[in-house]
């Protein structure tokens, strides 16, 4: 069984591809992941959404190759 790795999305990105990459990793539509992320960020006082996104954009690597 091949291990899945989390990468930024090369094809489905709005800012840096973090949420698109996460959507590809879990196998759901990127729009759904973005909506859930925005709702959690807006309505959860203890969830530092922007800081989390910036850290993920720095830590999560680019994919080893791009398919276009």
C-alpha atoms as a PDB file:
ATOM      1  CA  UNK A   1       0.000   0.000   0.000  1.00  0.00           C
ATOM      2  CA  UNK A   2       1.372   3.377  -1.017  1.00  0.00           C
ATOM      3  CA  UNK A   3       1.615   6.039   1.685  1.00  0.00           C
ATOM      4  CA  UNK A   4      -0.156   9.283   0.840  1.00  0.00           C
ATOM      5  CA  UNK A   5       1.749  12.517   1.372  1.00  0.00           C
ATOM      6  CA  UNK A   6       0.301  15.952   1.875  1.00  0.00           C
ATOM      7  CA  UNK A   7       1.432  18.509  -0.712  1.00  0.00           C
ATOM      8  CA  UNK A   8       0.187  21.906  -1.773  1.00  0.00           C
ATOM      9  CA  UNK A   9      -2.028  21.658  -4.817  1.00  0.00           C
ATOM     10  CA  UNK A  10      -0.403  22.600  -8.099  1.00  0.00           C
ATOM     11  CA  UNK A  11      -3.698  22.737 -10.019  1.00  0.00           C
ATOM     12  CA  UNK A  12      -6.352  23.802  -7.509  1.00  0.00           C
ATOM     13  CA  UNK A  13      -5.011  26.802  -5.654  1.00  0.00           C
ATOM     14  CA  UNK A  14      -6.453  30.142  -4.647  1.00  0.00           C
ATOM     15  CA  UNK A  15      -3.583  31.574  -2.592  1.00  0.00           C
ATOM     16  CA  UNK A  16      -0.832  29.043  -2.005  1.00  0.00           C
ATOM     17  CA  UNK A  17      -2.607  25.720  -2.600  1.00  0.00           C
ATOM     18  CA  UNK A  18      -2.809  24.618   1.038  1.00  0.00           C
ATOM     19  CA  UNK A  19      -6.550  23.929   1.166  1.00  0.00           C
ATOM     20  CA  UNK A  20      -6.587  22.507  -2.365  1.00  0.00           C
ATOM     21  CA  UNK A  21      -3.801  20.134  -1.379  1.00  0.00           C
ATOM     22  CA  UNK A  22      -5.639  19.102   1.767  1.00  0.00           C
ATOM     23  CA  UNK A  23      -8.790  18.449  -0.300  1.00  0.00           C
ATOM     24  CA  UNK A  24      -6.803  16.253  -2.708  1.00  0.00           C
ATOM     25  CA  UNK A  25      -5.281  14.408   0.259  1.00  0.00           C
ATOM     26  CA  UNK A  26      -8.638  13.524   1.835  1.00  0.00           C
ATOM     27  CA  UNK A  27     -10.419  13.080  -1.508  1.00  0.00           C
ATOM     28  CA  UNK A  28     -13.126  15.752  -1.367  1.00  0.00           C
ATOM     29  CA  UNK A  29     -13.975  18.868  -3.344  1.00  0.00           C
ATOM     30  CA  UNK A  30     -11.714  21.830  -2.593  1.00  0.00           C
ATOM     31  CA  UNK A  31     -14.671  24.219  -2.401  1.00  0.00           C
ATOM     32  CA  UNK A  32     -16.122  22.218   0.469  1.00  0.00           C
ATOM     33  CA  UNK A  33     -12.810  22.329   2.360  1.00  0.00           C
ATOM     34  CA  UNK A  34     -12.547  26.086   1.802  1.00  0.00           C
ATOM     35  CA  UNK A  35     -16.096  26.707   3.038  1.00  0.00           C
ATOM     36  CA  UNK A  36     -15.554  24.618   6.164  1.00  0.00           C
ATOM     37  CA  UNK A  37     -12.246  26.387   6.835  1.00  0.00           C
ATOM     38  CA  UNK A  38     -13.839  29.842   6.511  1.00  0.00           C
ATOM     39  CA  UNK A  39     -16.788  28.907   8.729  1.00  0.00           C
ATOM     40  CA  UNK A  40     -14.517  27.495  11.421  1.00  0.00           C
ATOM     41  CA  UNK A  41     -12.261  30.539  11.207  1.00  0.00           C
ATOM     42  CA  UNK A  42     -15.146  33.007  11.485  1.00  0.00           C
ATOM     43  CA  UNK A  43     -17.244  31.338  14.155  1.00  0.00           C
ATOM     44  CA  UNK A  44     -14.612  29.850  16.441  1.00  0.00           C
ATOM     45  CA  UNK A  45     -13.069  32.364  18.819  1.00  0.00           C
ATOM     46  CA  UNK A  46     -10.214  30.047  19.731  1.00  0.00           C
ATOM     47  CA  UNK A  47      -9.231  29.010  16.183  1.00  0.00           C
ATOM     48  CA  UNK A  48      -6.493  31.258  14.766  1.00  0.00           C
ATOM     49  CA  UNK A  49      -7.329  30.576  11.123  1.00  0.00           C
ATOM     50  CA  UNK A  50      -4.980  32.999   9.401  1.00  0.00           C
ATOM     51  CA  UNK A  51      -1.977  32.001  11.496  1.00  0.00           C
ATOM     52  CA  UNK A  52      -2.728  28.304  10.870  1.00  0.00           C
ATOM     53  CA  UNK A  53      -2.922  28.922   7.103  1.00  0.00           C
ATOM     54  CA  UNK A  54       0.368  30.864   7.032  1.00  0.00           C
ATOM     55  CA  UNK A  55       2.175  28.143   8.985  1.00  0.00           C
ATOM     56  CA  UNK A  56       0.779  25.462   6.660  1.00  0.00           C
ATOM     57  CA  UNK A  57       1.814  27.481   3.595  1.00  0.00           C
ATOM     58  CA  UNK A  58       5.379  27.540   4.918  1.00  0.00           C
ATOM     59  CA  UNK A  59       5.568  23.939   6.180  1.00  0.00           C
ATOM     60  CA  UNK A  60       3.666  21.925   3.535  1.00  0.00           C
ATOM     61  CA  UNK A  61       5.930  21.213   0.549  1.00  0.00           C
ATOM     62  CA  UNK A  62       5.249  21.786  -3.129  1.00  0.00           C
ATOM     63  CA  UNK A  63       4.464  18.629  -5.098  1.00  0.00           C
ATOM     64  CA  UNK A  64       7.501  16.886  -6.593  1.00  0.00           C
ATOM     65  CA  UNK A  65       6.064  17.340 -10.101  1.00  0.00           C
ATOM     66  CA  UNK A  66       3.189  19.207 -11.691  1.00  0.00           C
ATOM     67  CA  UNK A  67       0.678  17.693 -14.088  1.00  0.00           C
ATOM     68  CA  UNK A  68      -0.988  20.195 -16.368  1.00  0.00           C
END
